[in-house]
N, C-alpha and C. Protein backbone atom coordinates (compact mmCIF):
# COMPACT_ATOMS: atom_id res chain seq x y z
N MET A 1 -3.94 -16.65 8.47
CA MET A 1 -4.13 -15.72 7.38
C MET A 1 -5.37 -14.89 7.66
N LEU A 2 -5.27 -13.62 7.39
CA LEU A 2 -6.38 -12.69 7.58
C LEU A 2 -7.16 -12.56 6.28
N THR A 3 -8.48 -12.61 6.39
CA THR A 3 -9.34 -12.40 5.24
C THR A 3 -10.21 -11.18 5.50
N LEU A 4 -10.21 -10.26 4.56
CA LEU A 4 -11.02 -9.05 4.68
C LEU A 4 -12.05 -9.01 3.57
N GLU A 5 -13.23 -8.57 3.92
CA GLU A 5 -14.24 -8.33 2.90
C GLU A 5 -14.40 -6.82 2.79
N LEU A 6 -14.04 -6.28 1.65
CA LEU A 6 -14.09 -4.85 1.41
C LEU A 6 -15.05 -4.54 0.27
N THR A 7 -15.72 -3.41 0.39
CA THR A 7 -16.50 -2.95 -0.74
C THR A 7 -15.53 -2.46 -1.81
N ASP A 8 -16.01 -2.27 -3.02
CA ASP A 8 -15.14 -1.75 -4.08
C ASP A 8 -14.57 -0.39 -3.69
N LYS A 9 -15.39 0.46 -3.06
CA LYS A 9 -14.92 1.78 -2.66
C LYS A 9 -13.84 1.67 -1.59
N GLU A 10 -14.03 0.79 -0.60
CA GLU A 10 -13.03 0.60 0.44
C GLU A 10 -11.72 0.10 -0.15
N LYS A 11 -11.81 -0.83 -1.09
CA LYS A 11 -10.61 -1.34 -1.74
C LYS A 11 -9.90 -0.22 -2.49
N ASP A 12 -10.64 0.59 -3.23
CA ASP A 12 -10.04 1.70 -3.98
C ASP A 12 -9.33 2.68 -3.05
N VAL A 13 -9.97 3.02 -1.93
CA VAL A 13 -9.37 3.95 -0.97
C VAL A 13 -8.10 3.36 -0.38
N LEU A 14 -8.14 2.10 -0.01
CA LEU A 14 -6.98 1.43 0.57
C LEU A 14 -5.82 1.41 -0.42
N LEU A 15 -6.11 1.03 -1.65
CA LEU A 15 -5.06 0.96 -2.67
C LEU A 15 -4.47 2.34 -2.95
N GLN A 16 -5.30 3.36 -2.98
CA GLN A 16 -4.80 4.72 -3.23
C GLN A 16 -3.92 5.19 -2.08
N ALA A 17 -4.31 4.87 -0.86
CA ALA A 17 -3.51 5.24 0.31
C ALA A 17 -2.14 4.57 0.28
N ILE A 18 -2.12 3.31 -0.10
CA ILE A 18 -0.85 2.59 -0.21
C ILE A 18 0.02 3.23 -1.29
N LYS A 19 -0.56 3.51 -2.44
CA LYS A 19 0.20 4.12 -3.54
C LYS A 19 0.76 5.48 -3.12
N THR A 20 -0.03 6.27 -2.41
CA THR A 20 0.41 7.59 -1.96
C THR A 20 1.58 7.46 -0.99
N CYS A 21 1.48 6.52 -0.06
CA CYS A 21 2.56 6.30 0.91
C CYS A 21 3.85 5.89 0.20
N ILE A 22 3.74 4.95 -0.72
CA ILE A 22 4.91 4.48 -1.46
C ILE A 22 5.54 5.64 -2.23
N GLU A 23 4.73 6.44 -2.87
CA GLU A 23 5.25 7.58 -3.65
C GLU A 23 5.98 8.57 -2.75
N LYS A 24 5.43 8.85 -1.57
CA LYS A 24 6.08 9.77 -0.63
C LYS A 24 7.43 9.21 -0.19
N CYS A 25 7.50 7.90 0.06
CA CYS A 25 8.77 7.28 0.44
C CYS A 25 9.79 7.40 -0.68
N ARG A 26 9.35 7.18 -1.90
CA ARG A 26 10.25 7.26 -3.05
C ARG A 26 10.79 8.68 -3.24
N GLN A 27 10.02 9.66 -2.78
CA GLN A 27 10.44 11.05 -2.90
C GLN A 27 11.33 11.47 -1.73
N GLY A 28 11.64 10.54 -0.84
CA GLY A 28 12.56 10.83 0.25
C GLY A 28 11.90 11.03 1.60
N GLY A 29 10.58 10.90 1.66
CA GLY A 29 9.89 11.06 2.93
C GLY A 29 9.94 9.77 3.73
N ALA A 30 9.64 9.88 5.00
CA ALA A 30 9.54 8.73 5.91
C ALA A 30 10.66 7.71 5.70
N GLU A 31 11.89 8.20 5.82
CA GLU A 31 13.07 7.33 5.66
C GLU A 31 12.98 6.52 4.36
N ALA A 32 13.08 7.21 3.27
CA ALA A 32 12.93 6.63 1.93
C ALA A 32 13.42 5.19 1.85
N GLY A 33 12.55 4.34 1.29
CA GLY A 33 12.89 2.94 1.13
C GLY A 33 12.76 2.13 2.41
N CYS A 34 11.99 2.61 3.35
CA CYS A 34 11.84 1.91 4.62
C CYS A 34 11.14 0.57 4.44
N SER A 35 11.27 -0.29 5.45
CA SER A 35 10.68 -1.62 5.35
C SER A 35 9.16 -1.57 5.25
N ASP A 36 8.53 -0.55 5.84
CA ASP A 36 7.07 -0.42 5.72
C ASP A 36 6.66 -0.25 4.27
N CYS A 37 7.41 0.52 3.51
CA CYS A 37 7.08 0.72 2.10
C CYS A 37 7.24 -0.57 1.32
N GLU A 38 8.27 -1.34 1.64
CA GLU A 38 8.46 -2.62 0.97
C GLU A 38 7.28 -3.55 1.28
N THR A 39 6.83 -3.55 2.52
CA THR A 39 5.68 -4.36 2.91
C THR A 39 4.44 -3.90 2.18
N LEU A 40 4.24 -2.58 2.09
CA LEU A 40 3.09 -2.06 1.38
C LEU A 40 3.12 -2.42 -0.10
N GLU A 41 4.30 -2.39 -0.71
CA GLU A 41 4.40 -2.78 -2.12
C GLU A 41 4.00 -4.24 -2.29
N ASN A 42 4.39 -5.10 -1.35
CA ASN A 42 4.02 -6.52 -1.42
C ASN A 42 2.50 -6.67 -1.27
N ILE A 43 1.91 -5.93 -0.35
CA ILE A 43 0.45 -5.98 -0.17
C ILE A 43 -0.24 -5.51 -1.44
N LEU A 44 0.23 -4.42 -2.01
CA LEU A 44 -0.37 -3.87 -3.22
C LEU A 44 -0.34 -4.91 -4.34
N THR A 45 0.77 -5.61 -4.47
CA THR A 45 0.90 -6.65 -5.49
C THR A 45 -0.10 -7.78 -5.24
N LYS A 46 -0.26 -8.19 -4.00
CA LYS A 46 -1.19 -9.27 -3.65
C LYS A 46 -2.63 -8.85 -3.93
N VAL A 47 -3.00 -7.62 -3.52
CA VAL A 47 -4.38 -7.17 -3.68
C VAL A 47 -4.73 -6.98 -5.15
N ASN A 48 -3.79 -6.47 -5.92
CA ASN A 48 -4.04 -6.26 -7.35
C ASN A 48 -3.99 -7.55 -8.14
N GLY A 49 -3.47 -8.60 -7.52
CA GLY A 49 -3.44 -9.91 -8.17
C GLY A 49 -2.46 -9.94 -9.27
């Protein structure tokens, strides 16, 4: 298991980047609904607790 120590700002930037990617996929970009987006949604859920 990987453990990362992020500042609050780093965490915010990472979460926003994930949300932006997911939104683009939902709009039909990057092969909408691709496995990367599903993985990112799982990461987002884990990080947000």
